[in-house]
């Protein structure tokens, strides 16, 4: 019996830490001090905020846009948080990249007043949205219309929960529907090259392609 897929959604309530950085020295010091929840908010949850796709986290965004430290912004954007087993190891890599940059450029720019980096945390609420699907056709209909917060939760945030860079969608498709090819195509969608609406579009396209293939096979068999 096929296990159904239950769509869930997450929303985030912003919480200020009261900490801010006006230059890279302060940024490095505060990255070392703030909570794991703060690091998570500024990195893993970046794509929930629909930011500029040139960057992959808030630290890179600030370095590139506010300080115009493009080289550092690129280095920070190249860090894949899903490659690390925990936030502690990921934090160390962030500190290493910023620290190495400061060694080469010990007098980095100061941010304009009001354009400092403000450290925040989020309280994330996760809840079912009342949609459960049991086959690929139902999944396709749902993926086209669920809220963007649901796409984010199942495609991005799941990678920490499931591990191994695996999202909830491809895991269910492979394990419950036994469609390994489609699951692999969904996993091949680069999470850092698209915003969440693009992710939705690509998943829908791959699912439609799979369904058309199933229909063609059924026609041949008949």
N, C-alpha and C. Protein backbone atom coordinates (compact mmCIF):
# COMPACT_ATOMS: atom_id res chain seq x y z
N UNK A 1 0.85 -1.20 0.00
CA UNK A 1 0.00 0.00 0.00
C UNK A 1 0.88 1.25 0.00
N UNK A 2 0.60 2.20 -0.89
CA UNK A 2 1.41 3.40 -1.01
C UNK A 2 1.15 4.34 0.16
N UNK A 3 2.23 4.78 0.77
CA UNK A 3 2.11 5.75 1.85
C UNK A 3 1.93 7.14 1.26
N UNK A 4 0.93 7.85 1.70
CA UNK A 4 0.66 9.17 1.16
C UNK A 4 1.68 10.20 1.59
N UNK A 5 1.73 11.29 0.85
CA UNK A 5 2.64 12.40 1.18
C UNK A 5 1.80 13.55 1.73
N UNK A 6 2.13 13.97 2.93
CA UNK A 6 1.41 15.07 3.57
C UNK A 6 2.21 16.37 3.42
N UNK A 7 1.62 17.35 2.79
CA UNK A 7 2.27 18.64 2.63
C UNK A 7 2.19 19.43 3.93
N UNK A 8 3.33 19.99 4.29
CA UNK A 8 3.40 20.87 5.45
C UNK A 8 3.96 22.21 5.02
N UNK A 9 3.84 23.16 5.88
CA UNK A 9 4.30 24.51 5.58
C UNK A 9 4.99 25.08 6.80
N UNK A 10 5.90 26.00 6.56
CA UNK A 10 6.52 26.66 7.70
C UNK A 10 6.44 28.17 7.52
N UNK A 11 6.25 28.85 8.61
CA UNK A 11 6.31 30.31 8.62
C UNK A 11 7.28 30.71 9.72
N UNK A 12 7.94 31.83 9.52
CA UNK A 12 8.96 32.26 10.47
C UNK A 12 8.60 33.60 11.08
N UNK A 13 8.73 33.69 12.38
CA UNK A 13 8.50 34.93 13.11
C UNK A 13 9.86 35.50 13.48
N UNK A 14 10.15 36.70 12.99
CA UNK A 14 11.47 37.30 13.17
C UNK A 14 11.66 37.79 14.60
N UNK A 15 12.87 37.54 15.11
CA UNK A 15 13.22 37.96 16.47
C UNK A 15 14.61 38.59 16.44
N UNK A 16 14.72 39.83 16.86
CA UNK A 16 16.00 40.53 16.85
C UNK A 16 16.87 40.07 18.02
N UNK A 17 18.17 39.96 17.76
CA UNK A 17 19.11 39.61 18.85
C UNK A 17 19.67 40.86 19.50
N UNK A 18 19.47 42.02 18.86
CA UNK A 18 20.04 43.26 19.38
C UNK A 18 21.49 43.46 19.01
N UNK A 19 22.05 42.55 18.24
CA UNK A 19 23.46 42.63 17.84
C UNK A 19 23.57 43.08 16.39
N UNK A 20 24.59 43.89 16.11
CA UNK A 20 24.81 44.32 14.74
C UNK A 20 26.30 44.51 14.49
N UNK A 21 26.68 44.37 13.21
CA UNK A 21 28.08 44.52 12.81
C UNK A 21 28.18 45.60 11.75
N UNK A 22 29.20 46.46 11.90
CA UNK A 22 29.41 47.53 10.93
C UNK A 22 30.59 47.27 10.02
N UNK A 23 31.38 46.23 10.33
CA UNK A 23 32.51 45.88 9.48
C UNK A 23 32.78 44.38 9.62
N UNK A 24 33.75 43.89 8.88
CA UNK A 24 34.00 42.45 8.86
C UNK A 24 34.58 41.93 10.16
N UNK A 25 35.34 42.76 10.86
CA UNK A 25 35.87 42.33 12.16
C UNK A 25 34.72 42.04 13.13
N UNK A 26 33.77 42.94 13.17
CA UNK A 26 32.61 42.75 14.05
C UNK A 26 31.76 41.58 13.58
N UNK A 27 31.64 41.43 12.26
CA UNK A 27 30.86 40.31 11.72
C UNK A 27 31.45 38.98 12.16
N UNK A 28 32.76 38.85 12.01
CA UNK A 28 33.43 37.61 12.42
C UNK A 28 33.24 37.35 13.91
N UNK A 29 33.43 38.36 14.73
CA UNK A 29 33.31 38.17 16.18
C UNK A 29 31.90 37.74 16.57
N UNK A 30 30.90 38.33 15.92
CA UNK A 30 29.53 38.01 16.28
C UNK A 30 29.07 36.66 15.71
N UNK A 31 29.57 36.28 14.54
CA UNK A 31 29.26 34.95 14.02
C UNK A 31 29.72 33.88 15.02
N UNK A 32 30.82 34.16 15.70
CA UNK A 32 31.35 33.21 16.69
C UNK A 32 30.49 33.16 17.95
N UNK A 33 29.73 34.22 18.20
CA UNK A 33 29.01 34.33 19.47
C UNK A 33 27.52 33.99 19.39
N UNK A 34 26.89 34.29 18.28
CA UNK A 34 25.43 34.18 18.21
C UNK A 34 24.99 32.71 18.27
N UNK A 35 23.71 32.52 18.49
CA UNK A 35 23.16 31.18 18.64
C UNK A 35 23.12 30.42 17.32
N UNK A 36 22.95 29.10 17.42
CA UNK A 36 22.77 28.28 16.22
C UNK A 36 21.53 28.71 15.46
N UNK A 37 20.49 29.11 16.19
CA UNK A 37 19.25 29.56 15.53
C UNK A 37 19.51 30.79 14.67
N UNK A 38 20.41 31.65 15.12
CA UNK A 38 20.74 32.86 14.37
C UNK A 38 21.49 32.49 13.09
N UNK A 39 22.47 31.59 13.20
CA UNK A 39 23.20 31.13 12.02
C UNK A 39 22.24 30.47 11.04
N UNK A 40 21.33 29.66 11.55
CA UNK A 40 20.36 28.97 10.71
C UNK A 40 19.50 29.97 9.94
N UNK A 41 19.05 31.00 10.64
CA UNK A 41 18.20 32.00 10.01
C UNK A 41 18.90 32.70 8.85
N UNK A 42 20.16 33.06 9.04
CA UNK A 42 20.86 33.85 8.04
C UNK A 42 21.46 33.01 6.91
N UNK A 43 21.37 31.71 7.02
CA UNK A 43 21.96 30.86 5.98
C UNK A 43 20.93 29.89 5.40
N UNK A 44 20.52 28.91 6.17
CA UNK A 44 19.60 27.89 5.67
C UNK A 44 18.26 28.50 5.22
N UNK A 45 17.81 29.53 5.92
CA UNK A 45 16.52 30.12 5.60
C UNK A 45 16.61 31.26 4.58
N UNK A 46 17.76 31.43 3.97
CA UNK A 46 17.94 32.52 3.01
C UNK A 46 16.94 32.45 1.86
N UNK A 47 16.66 31.23 1.39
CA UNK A 47 15.81 31.10 0.21
C UNK A 47 14.33 31.23 0.54
N UNK A 48 14.01 31.28 1.82
CA UNK A 48 12.64 31.56 2.21
C UNK A 48 12.34 33.05 2.08
N UNK A 49 13.41 33.86 1.95
CA UNK A 49 13.25 35.31 1.93
C UNK A 49 13.24 35.90 0.53
N UNK A 50 13.44 35.04 -0.48
CA UNK A 50 13.41 35.49 -1.88
C UNK A 50 14.42 36.61 -2.14
N UNK A 51 15.66 36.39 -1.69
CA UNK A 51 16.71 37.38 -1.91
C UNK A 51 17.30 37.27 -3.31
N UNK A 52 18.28 38.13 -3.59
CA UNK A 52 18.99 38.10 -4.87
C UNK A 52 19.71 36.78 -5.01
N UNK A 53 19.56 36.12 -6.16
CA UNK A 53 20.13 34.79 -6.33
C UNK A 53 21.63 34.80 -6.54
N UNK A 54 22.23 35.98 -6.65
CA UNK A 54 23.68 36.04 -6.78
C UNK A 54 24.34 35.52 -5.51
N UNK A 55 23.64 35.55 -4.40
CA UNK A 55 24.18 35.12 -3.12
C UNK A 55 23.39 33.94 -2.58
N UNK A 56 23.98 33.25 -1.60
CA UNK A 56 23.30 32.08 -1.03
C UNK A 56 23.08 32.18 0.48
N UNK A 57 23.45 33.30 1.06
CA UNK A 57 23.18 33.51 2.49
C UNK A 57 23.24 35.01 2.79
N UNK A 58 22.72 35.39 3.95
CA UNK A 58 22.66 36.81 4.31
C UNK A 58 24.04 37.43 4.49
N UNK A 59 25.01 36.65 4.99
CA UNK A 59 26.35 37.18 5.20
C UNK A 59 26.99 37.57 3.87
N UNK A 60 26.84 36.70 2.87
CA UNK A 60 27.37 36.99 1.54
C UNK A 60 26.65 38.20 0.94
N UNK A 61 25.34 38.25 1.12
CA UNK A 61 24.54 39.37 0.59
C UNK A 61 25.03 40.69 1.16
N UNK A 62 25.24 40.73 2.46
CA UNK A 62 25.68 41.97 3.12
C UNK A 62 27.09 42.35 2.68
N UNK A 63 27.98 41.38 2.62
CA UNK A 63 29.36 41.66 2.20
C UNK A 63 29.39 42.21 0.78
N UNK A 64 28.57 41.65 -0.09
CA UNK A 64 28.58 42.06 -1.48
C UNK A 64 27.85 43.36 -1.74
N UNK A 65 26.67 43.53 -1.11
CA UNK A 65 25.83 44.69 -1.39
C UNK A 65 26.15 45.91 -0.51
N UNK A 66 26.39 45.69 0.76
CA UNK A 66 26.60 46.82 1.68
C UNK A 66 28.06 47.23 1.79
N UNK A 67 28.97 46.24 1.77
CA UNK A 67 30.39 46.55 1.89
C UNK A 67 31.12 46.57 0.55
N UNK A 68 30.45 46.03 -0.47
CA UNK A 68 31.05 45.91 -1.80
C UNK A 68 32.33 45.07 -1.78
N UNK A 69 32.37 44.11 -0.90
CA UNK A 69 33.47 43.15 -0.83
C UNK A 69 33.06 41.94 -1.67
N UNK A 70 33.15 42.09 -2.99
CA UNK A 70 32.61 41.08 -3.91
C UNK A 70 33.33 39.74 -3.80
N UNK A 71 34.63 39.79 -3.61
CA UNK A 71 35.40 38.54 -3.52
C UNK A 71 34.96 37.72 -2.31
N UNK A 72 34.80 38.38 -1.18
CA UNK A 72 34.35 37.68 0.03
C UNK A 72 32.93 37.17 -0.16
N UNK A 73 32.08 37.98 -0.77
CA UNK A 73 30.69 37.57 -1.01
C UNK A 73 30.65 36.29 -1.83
N UNK A 74 31.52 36.21 -2.82
CA UNK A 74 31.56 35.00 -3.65
C UNK A 74 32.04 33.80 -2.85
N UNK A 75 33.05 34.01 -2.02
CA UNK A 75 33.56 32.91 -1.20
C UNK A 75 32.50 32.40 -0.22
N UNK A 76 31.79 33.32 0.39
CA UNK A 76 30.74 32.93 1.34
C UNK A 76 29.60 32.23 0.62
N UNK A 77 29.29 32.66 -0.60
CA UNK A 77 28.21 32.04 -1.36
C UNK A 77 28.57 30.63 -1.81
N UNK A 78 29.85 30.35 -1.90
CA UNK A 78 30.29 29.02 -2.34
C UNK A 78 30.22 27.97 -1.24
N UNK A 79 29.94 28.40 -0.02
CA UNK A 79 29.82 27.44 1.09
C UNK A 79 28.44 26.81 1.05
N UNK A 80 28.40 25.50 0.98
CA UNK A 80 27.13 24.77 0.97
C UNK A 80 26.83 24.29 2.39
N UNK A 81 25.85 24.89 3.06
CA UNK A 81 25.57 24.51 4.45
C UNK A 81 25.13 23.06 4.60
N UNK A 82 24.59 22.48 3.51
CA UNK A 82 24.10 21.11 3.59
C UNK A 82 25.21 20.07 3.53
N UNK A 83 26.44 20.54 3.32
CA UNK A 83 27.58 19.63 3.33
C UNK A 83 28.07 19.34 4.74
N UNK A 84 27.55 20.06 5.72
CA UNK A 84 28.03 19.94 7.09
C UNK A 84 27.02 19.18 7.94
N UNK A 85 27.55 18.38 8.85
CA UNK A 85 26.69 17.54 9.69
C UNK A 85 25.94 18.34 10.73
N UNK A 86 26.46 19.49 11.09
CA UNK A 86 25.82 20.31 12.12
C UNK A 86 26.18 21.77 11.90
N UNK A 87 25.47 22.64 12.60
CA UNK A 87 25.68 24.08 12.45
C UNK A 87 27.03 24.49 13.02
N UNK A 88 27.50 23.78 14.03
CA UNK A 88 28.80 24.11 14.62
C UNK A 88 29.92 24.02 13.60
N UNK A 89 29.94 22.95 12.82
CA UNK A 89 30.97 22.80 11.78
C UNK A 89 30.80 23.85 10.68
N UNK A 90 29.56 24.12 10.35
CA UNK A 90 29.27 25.14 9.33
C UNK A 90 29.72 26.51 9.81
N UNK A 91 29.49 26.81 11.08
CA UNK A 91 29.91 28.09 11.66
C UNK A 91 31.44 28.25 11.56
N UNK A 92 32.15 27.16 11.83
CA UNK A 92 33.62 27.20 11.76
C UNK A 92 34.09 27.55 10.36
N UNK A 93 33.40 27.03 9.35
CA UNK A 93 33.78 27.33 7.98
C UNK A 93 33.49 28.80 7.65
N UNK A 94 32.39 29.32 8.11
CA UNK A 94 32.09 30.75 7.92
C UNK A 94 33.18 31.61 8.55
N UNK A 95 33.56 31.27 9.78
CA UNK A 95 34.60 32.02 10.49
C UNK A 95 35.94 31.93 9.77
N UNK A 96 36.24 30.76 9.24
CA UNK A 96 37.49 30.58 8.52
C UNK A 96 37.56 31.45 7.27
N UNK A 97 36.47 31.46 6.51
CA UNK A 97 36.45 32.25 5.27
C UNK A 97 36.57 33.74 5.58
N UNK A 98 35.79 34.23 6.55
CA UNK A 98 35.86 35.65 6.90
C UNK A 98 37.22 36.00 7.50
N UNK A 99 37.73 35.12 8.36
CA UNK A 99 39.03 35.37 8.99
C UNK A 99 40.17 35.42 7.99
N UNK A 100 40.17 34.50 7.03
CA UNK A 100 41.22 34.49 6.01
C UNK A 100 41.16 35.74 5.14
N UNK A 101 39.96 36.20 4.88
CA UNK A 101 39.80 37.41 4.07
C UNK A 101 40.34 38.63 4.82
N UNK A 102 40.06 38.70 6.11
CA UNK A 102 40.53 39.83 6.91
C UNK A 102 42.05 39.85 6.98
N UNK A 103 42.67 38.68 7.01
CA UNK A 103 44.13 38.62 7.04
C UNK A 103 44.74 39.25 5.79
N UNK A 104 44.06 39.06 4.67
CA UNK A 104 44.56 39.63 3.41
C UNK A 104 44.19 41.10 3.26
N UNK A 105 43.05 41.47 3.83
CA UNK A 105 42.58 42.87 3.75
C UNK A 105 42.21 43.33 5.16
N UNK A 106 43.22 43.66 5.97
CA UNK A 106 42.99 43.96 7.40
C UNK A 106 42.18 45.20 7.69
N UNK A 107 41.98 46.07 6.71
CA UNK A 107 41.21 47.29 6.93
C UNK A 107 40.01 47.35 5.98
N UNK A 108 39.04 46.47 6.18
CA UNK A 108 37.88 46.43 5.29
C UNK A 108 36.99 47.65 5.47
N UNK A 109 36.08 47.81 4.54
CA UNK A 109 35.18 48.97 4.54
C UNK A 109 34.23 48.94 5.74
N UNK A 110 33.78 50.12 6.12
CA UNK A 110 32.74 50.27 7.13
C UNK A 110 31.40 50.42 6.43
N UNK A 111 30.38 49.83 6.99
CA UNK A 111 29.04 49.99 6.43
C UNK A 111 28.51 51.39 6.72
N UNK A 112 27.67 51.88 5.84
CA UNK A 112 27.02 53.17 6.08
C UNK A 112 26.10 53.05 7.29
N UNK A 113 25.89 54.16 7.96
CA UNK A 113 24.99 54.17 9.11
C UNK A 113 23.60 53.69 8.70
N UNK A 114 23.08 52.76 9.44
CA UNK A 114 21.76 52.19 9.13
C UNK A 114 21.82 50.99 8.21
N UNK A 115 23.02 50.73 7.66
CA UNK A 115 23.18 49.60 6.74
C UNK A 115 24.07 48.52 7.35
N UNK A 116 24.16 48.51 8.66
CA UNK A 116 24.94 47.48 9.34
C UNK A 116 24.27 46.12 9.18
N UNK A 117 24.98 45.07 9.55
CA UNK A 117 24.38 43.73 9.52
C UNK A 117 23.68 43.50 10.85
N UNK A 118 22.38 43.30 10.81
CA UNK A 118 21.60 43.07 12.02
C UNK A 118 21.36 41.57 12.18
N UNK A 119 21.81 41.04 13.29
CA UNK A 119 21.66 39.61 13.56
C UNK A 119 20.26 39.33 14.10
N UNK A 120 19.59 38.41 13.45
CA UNK A 120 18.23 38.03 13.86
C UNK A 120 18.12 36.53 14.05
N UNK A 121 17.09 36.13 14.71
CA UNK A 121 16.72 34.72 14.83
C UNK A 121 15.27 34.60 14.35
N UNK A 122 14.82 33.39 14.17
CA UNK A 122 13.41 33.20 13.83
C UNK A 122 12.82 32.08 14.68
N UNK A 123 11.58 32.26 15.00
CA UNK A 123 10.80 31.18 15.59
C UNK A 123 10.02 30.56 14.43
N UNK A 124 10.32 29.31 14.10
CA UNK A 124 9.70 28.68 12.94
C UNK A 124 8.54 27.80 13.37
N UNK A 125 7.39 28.03 12.77
CA UNK A 125 6.20 27.25 13.04
C UNK A 125 5.93 26.33 11.86
N UNK A 126 5.78 25.04 12.13
CA UNK A 126 5.53 24.05 11.08
C UNK A 126 4.15 23.43 11.31
N UNK A 127 3.36 23.36 10.26
CA UNK A 127 2.01 22.82 10.42
C UNK A 127 1.53 22.19 9.11
N UNK A 128 0.70 21.16 9.19
CA UNK A 128 0.13 20.56 7.98
C UNK A 128 -0.86 21.51 7.35
N UNK A 129 -1.00 21.44 6.04
CA UNK A 129 -1.90 22.37 5.34
C UNK A 129 -3.14 21.66 4.82
N UNK A 130 -3.34 20.42 5.24
CA UNK A 130 -4.57 19.71 4.88
C UNK A 130 -4.55 19.09 3.50
N UNK A 131 -3.35 18.90 2.94
CA UNK A 131 -3.24 18.27 1.62
C UNK A 131 -2.40 17.01 1.74
N UNK A 132 -2.98 15.88 1.41
CA UNK A 132 -2.26 14.61 1.40
C UNK A 132 -2.50 13.95 0.04
N UNK A 133 -1.44 13.53 -0.61
CA UNK A 133 -1.56 12.93 -1.94
C UNK A 133 -1.06 11.49 -1.89
N UNK A 134 -1.59 10.67 -2.81
CA UNK A 134 -1.22 9.25 -2.78
C UNK A 134 -0.71 8.74 -4.13
N UNK A 135 -0.66 9.63 -5.12
CA UNK A 135 -0.10 9.21 -6.41
C UNK A 135 0.53 10.42 -7.09
N UNK A 136 1.18 10.19 -8.21
CA UNK A 136 1.94 11.24 -8.88
C UNK A 136 1.06 12.33 -9.46
N UNK A 137 -0.12 11.96 -9.96
CA UNK A 137 -1.03 12.96 -10.53
C UNK A 137 -1.51 13.93 -9.45
N UNK A 138 -1.84 13.40 -8.29
CA UNK A 138 -2.27 14.25 -7.18
C UNK A 138 -1.12 15.12 -6.69
N UNK A 139 0.07 14.55 -6.69
CA UNK A 139 1.26 15.30 -6.28
C UNK A 139 1.49 16.49 -7.21
N UNK A 140 1.32 16.27 -8.50
CA UNK A 140 1.51 17.34 -9.48
C UNK A 140 0.53 18.48 -9.25
N UNK A 141 -0.73 18.15 -9.02
CA UNK A 141 -1.73 19.18 -8.78
C UNK A 141 -1.38 19.99 -7.53
N UNK A 142 -0.92 19.29 -6.49
CA UNK A 142 -0.61 19.97 -5.23
C UNK A 142 0.61 20.86 -5.37
N UNK A 143 1.65 20.36 -6.03
CA UNK A 143 2.91 21.11 -6.11
C UNK A 143 2.72 22.42 -6.85
N UNK A 144 1.74 22.48 -7.74
CA UNK A 144 1.50 23.70 -8.50
C UNK A 144 0.84 24.81 -7.69
N UNK A 145 0.17 24.44 -6.59
CA UNK A 145 -0.66 25.43 -5.91
C UNK A 145 -0.33 25.64 -4.44
N UNK A 146 0.50 24.78 -3.82
CA UNK A 146 0.80 24.98 -2.40
C UNK A 146 1.60 26.27 -2.21
N UNK A 147 1.56 26.80 -1.02
CA UNK A 147 2.27 28.03 -0.70
C UNK A 147 3.78 27.83 -0.84
N UNK A 148 4.47 28.92 -1.14
CA UNK A 148 5.91 28.85 -1.31
C UNK A 148 6.60 28.37 -0.04
N UNK A 149 6.00 28.63 1.12
CA UNK A 149 6.58 28.16 2.38
C UNK A 149 6.60 26.64 2.46
N UNK A 150 5.68 25.99 1.78
CA UNK A 150 5.66 24.53 1.74
C UNK A 150 6.77 24.00 0.84
N UNK A 151 6.99 24.66 -0.30
CA UNK A 151 8.07 24.27 -1.20
C UNK A 151 9.41 24.39 -0.46
N UNK A 152 9.59 25.51 0.23
CA UNK A 152 10.82 25.73 0.98
C UNK A 152 11.01 24.63 2.02
N UNK A 153 9.98 24.35 2.79
CA UNK A 153 10.10 23.38 3.89
C UNK A 153 10.49 22.00 3.38
N UNK A 154 9.84 21.54 2.33
CA UNK A 154 10.07 20.18 1.85
C UNK A 154 11.30 20.04 0.95
N UNK A 155 11.70 21.14 0.29
CA UNK A 155 12.83 21.02 -0.63
C UNK A 155 14.14 21.48 0.01
N UNK A 156 14.11 22.56 0.79
CA UNK A 156 15.32 23.08 1.40
C UNK A 156 15.54 22.56 2.82
N UNK A 157 14.59 22.88 3.69
CA UNK A 157 14.81 22.56 5.10
C UNK A 157 14.88 21.05 5.34
N UNK A 158 14.25 20.29 4.49
CA UNK A 158 14.29 18.82 4.64
C UNK A 158 15.70 18.28 4.54
N UNK A 159 16.57 18.98 3.84
CA UNK A 159 17.93 18.49 3.64
C UNK A 159 18.68 18.36 4.95
N UNK A 160 18.31 19.16 5.93
CA UNK A 160 18.91 19.01 7.26
C UNK A 160 18.26 17.86 8.01
N UNK A 161 16.96 17.73 7.90
CA UNK A 161 16.25 16.68 8.63
C UNK A 161 16.54 15.30 8.07
N UNK A 162 16.51 15.17 6.74
CA UNK A 162 16.71 13.87 6.10
C UNK A 162 18.19 13.55 5.99
N UNK A 163 19.00 14.57 5.70
CA UNK A 163 20.43 14.38 5.55
C UNK A 163 20.80 13.96 4.13
N UNK A 164 22.06 14.09 3.81
CA UNK A 164 22.56 13.64 2.52
C UNK A 164 22.08 14.45 1.35
N UNK A 165 21.61 15.68 1.60
CA UNK A 165 21.13 16.52 0.50
C UNK A 165 19.85 16.02 -0.12
N UNK A 166 19.07 15.25 0.65
CA UNK A 166 17.83 14.66 0.12
C UNK A 166 16.63 15.47 0.59
N UNK A 167 15.75 15.79 -0.33
CA UNK A 167 14.54 16.54 0.00
C UNK A 167 13.37 15.59 0.23
N UNK A 168 12.32 16.07 0.86
CA UNK A 168 11.15 15.24 1.16
C UNK A 168 10.47 14.73 -0.10
N UNK A 169 10.40 15.56 -1.14
CA UNK A 169 9.70 15.17 -2.37
C UNK A 169 10.34 13.95 -3.02
N UNK A 170 11.64 14.04 -3.27
CA UNK A 170 12.31 12.93 -3.96
C UNK A 170 12.36 11.68 -3.09
N UNK A 171 12.45 11.86 -1.78
CA UNK A 171 12.48 10.71 -0.87
C UNK A 171 11.17 9.93 -0.96
N UNK A 172 10.05 10.65 -0.95
CA UNK A 172 8.74 9.98 -1.05
C UNK A 172 8.56 9.35 -2.42
N UNK A 173 8.93 10.05 -3.46
CA UNK A 173 8.77 9.54 -4.82
C UNK A 173 9.58 8.26 -5.02
N UNK A 174 10.77 8.22 -4.46
CA UNK A 174 11.60 7.01 -4.62
C UNK A 174 11.13 5.87 -3.74
N UNK A 175 10.83 6.17 -2.48
CA UNK A 175 10.51 5.11 -1.53
C UNK A 175 9.07 4.62 -1.63
N UNK A 176 8.13 5.53 -1.83
CA UNK A 176 6.73 5.13 -1.86
C UNK A 176 6.20 4.84 -3.26
N UNK A 177 6.63 5.63 -4.23
CA UNK A 177 6.16 5.42 -5.60
C UNK A 177 7.12 4.57 -6.43
N UNK A 178 8.32 4.34 -5.87
CA UNK A 178 9.35 3.51 -6.52
C UNK A 178 9.72 4.07 -7.91
N UNK A 179 9.83 5.38 -7.97
CA UNK A 179 10.23 6.04 -9.21
C UNK A 179 11.60 6.70 -8.97
N UNK A 180 12.62 5.87 -9.06
CA UNK A 180 13.97 6.33 -8.75
C UNK A 180 14.46 7.37 -9.75
N UNK A 181 14.13 7.20 -11.04
CA UNK A 181 14.58 8.14 -12.06
C UNK A 181 14.07 9.54 -11.81
N UNK A 182 12.77 9.65 -11.52
CA UNK A 182 12.19 10.96 -11.23
C UNK A 182 12.79 11.54 -9.96
N UNK A 183 12.98 10.71 -8.96
CA UNK A 183 13.58 11.17 -7.70
C UNK A 183 14.97 11.74 -7.95
N UNK A 184 15.74 11.08 -8.78
CA UNK A 184 17.10 11.55 -9.08
C UNK A 184 17.07 12.86 -9.85
N UNK A 185 16.10 13.02 -10.74
CA UNK A 185 16.01 14.27 -11.51
C UNK A 185 15.63 15.44 -10.60
N UNK A 186 14.79 15.19 -9.63
CA UNK A 186 14.41 16.25 -8.69
C UNK A 186 15.60 16.60 -7.80
N UNK A 187 16.37 15.59 -7.38
CA UNK A 187 17.55 15.87 -6.56
C UNK A 187 18.62 16.61 -7.33
N UNK A 188 18.59 16.49 -8.64
CA UNK A 188 19.59 17.16 -9.47
C UNK A 188 19.30 18.65 -9.64
N UNK A 189 18.13 19.11 -9.22
CA UNK A 189 17.81 20.54 -9.29
C UNK A 189 18.67 21.27 -8.27
N UNK A 190 19.47 22.20 -8.73
CA UNK A 190 20.41 22.92 -7.86
C UNK A 190 19.65 23.89 -6.96
N UNK A 191 19.69 23.68 -5.64
CA UNK A 191 18.93 24.56 -4.74
C UNK A 191 19.46 25.97 -4.67
N UNK A 192 20.71 26.18 -5.12
CA UNK A 192 21.31 27.50 -5.03
C UNK A 192 21.19 28.30 -6.32
N UNK A 193 20.67 27.70 -7.37
CA UNK A 193 20.59 28.38 -8.65
C UNK A 193 19.17 28.86 -8.97
N UNK A 194 18.22 28.57 -8.08
CA UNK A 194 16.83 28.92 -8.36
C UNK A 194 16.16 29.46 -7.10
N UNK A 195 15.18 30.32 -7.28
CA UNK A 195 14.35 30.68 -6.14
C UNK A 195 13.27 29.61 -5.96
N UNK A 196 12.49 29.75 -4.93
CA UNK A 196 11.52 28.68 -4.61
C UNK A 196 10.46 28.52 -5.69
N UNK A 197 10.08 29.60 -6.35
CA UNK A 197 9.09 29.47 -7.43
C UNK A 197 9.68 28.71 -8.61
N UNK A 198 10.95 28.93 -8.89
CA UNK A 198 11.62 28.17 -9.95
C UNK A 198 11.71 26.70 -9.58
N UNK A 199 11.99 26.44 -8.30
CA UNK A 199 12.05 25.04 -7.83
C UNK A 199 10.70 24.37 -8.07
N UNK A 200 9.62 25.06 -7.73
CA UNK A 200 8.27 24.53 -7.95
C UNK A 200 8.07 24.19 -9.43
N UNK A 201 8.48 25.12 -10.30
CA UNK A 201 8.32 24.95 -11.74
C UNK A 201 9.09 23.73 -12.24
N UNK A 202 10.32 23.57 -11.80
CA UNK A 202 11.15 22.46 -12.27
C UNK A 202 10.61 21.11 -11.77
N UNK A 203 10.15 21.08 -10.53
CA UNK A 203 9.58 19.83 -10.00
C UNK A 203 8.33 19.47 -10.79
N UNK A 204 7.49 20.47 -11.06
CA UNK A 204 6.27 20.22 -11.82
C UNK A 204 6.59 19.72 -13.23
N UNK A 205 7.59 20.31 -13.86
CA UNK A 205 7.97 19.90 -15.22
C UNK A 205 8.46 18.45 -15.24
N UNK A 206 9.28 18.10 -14.29
CA UNK A 206 9.79 16.73 -14.24
C UNK A 206 8.68 15.73 -13.92
N UNK A 207 7.75 16.14 -13.08
CA UNK A 207 6.63 15.26 -12.73
C UNK A 207 5.71 15.05 -13.93
N UNK A 208 5.43 16.13 -14.66
CA UNK A 208 4.60 16.02 -15.87
C UNK A 208 5.27 15.11 -16.90
N UNK A 209 6.56 15.24 -17.04
CA UNK A 209 7.31 14.39 -17.98
C UNK A 209 7.17 12.92 -17.60
N UNK A 210 7.26 12.65 -16.31
CA UNK A 210 7.13 11.27 -15.83
C UNK A 210 5.72 10.74 -16.08
N UNK A 211 4.72 11.56 -15.84
CA UNK A 211 3.33 11.14 -16.05
C UNK A 211 3.05 10.87 -17.52
N UNK A 212 3.58 11.72 -18.40
CA UNK A 212 3.40 11.49 -19.83
C UNK A 212 4.02 10.16 -20.25
N UNK A 213 5.17 9.87 -19.68
CA UNK A 213 5.82 8.60 -19.97
C UNK A 213 4.99 7.42 -19.51
N UNK A 214 4.37 7.55 -18.34
CA UNK A 214 3.51 6.47 -17.83
C UNK A 214 2.31 6.26 -18.74
N UNK A 215 1.72 7.34 -19.21
CA UNK A 215 0.56 7.24 -20.09
C UNK A 215 0.93 6.56 -21.41
N UNK A 216 2.09 6.93 -21.95
CA UNK A 216 2.55 6.31 -23.21
C UNK A 216 2.78 4.81 -23.05
N UNK A 217 3.35 4.43 -21.91
CA UNK A 217 3.58 3.01 -21.64
C UNK A 217 2.26 2.27 -21.53
N UNK A 218 1.29 2.86 -20.85
CA UNK A 218 -0.02 2.23 -20.71
C UNK A 218 -0.68 2.06 -22.06
N UNK A 219 -0.51 3.06 -22.95
CA UNK A 219 -1.09 2.97 -24.28
C UNK A 219 -0.50 1.86 -25.09
N UNK A 220 0.83 1.66 -24.96
CA UNK A 220 1.51 0.59 -25.68
C UNK A 220 1.04 -0.77 -25.18
N UNK A 221 0.89 -0.89 -23.87
CA UNK A 221 0.48 -2.16 -23.28
C UNK A 221 -0.94 -2.53 -23.69
N UNK A 222 -1.80 -1.52 -23.85
CA UNK A 222 -3.19 -1.81 -24.24
C UNK A 222 -3.24 -2.27 -25.71
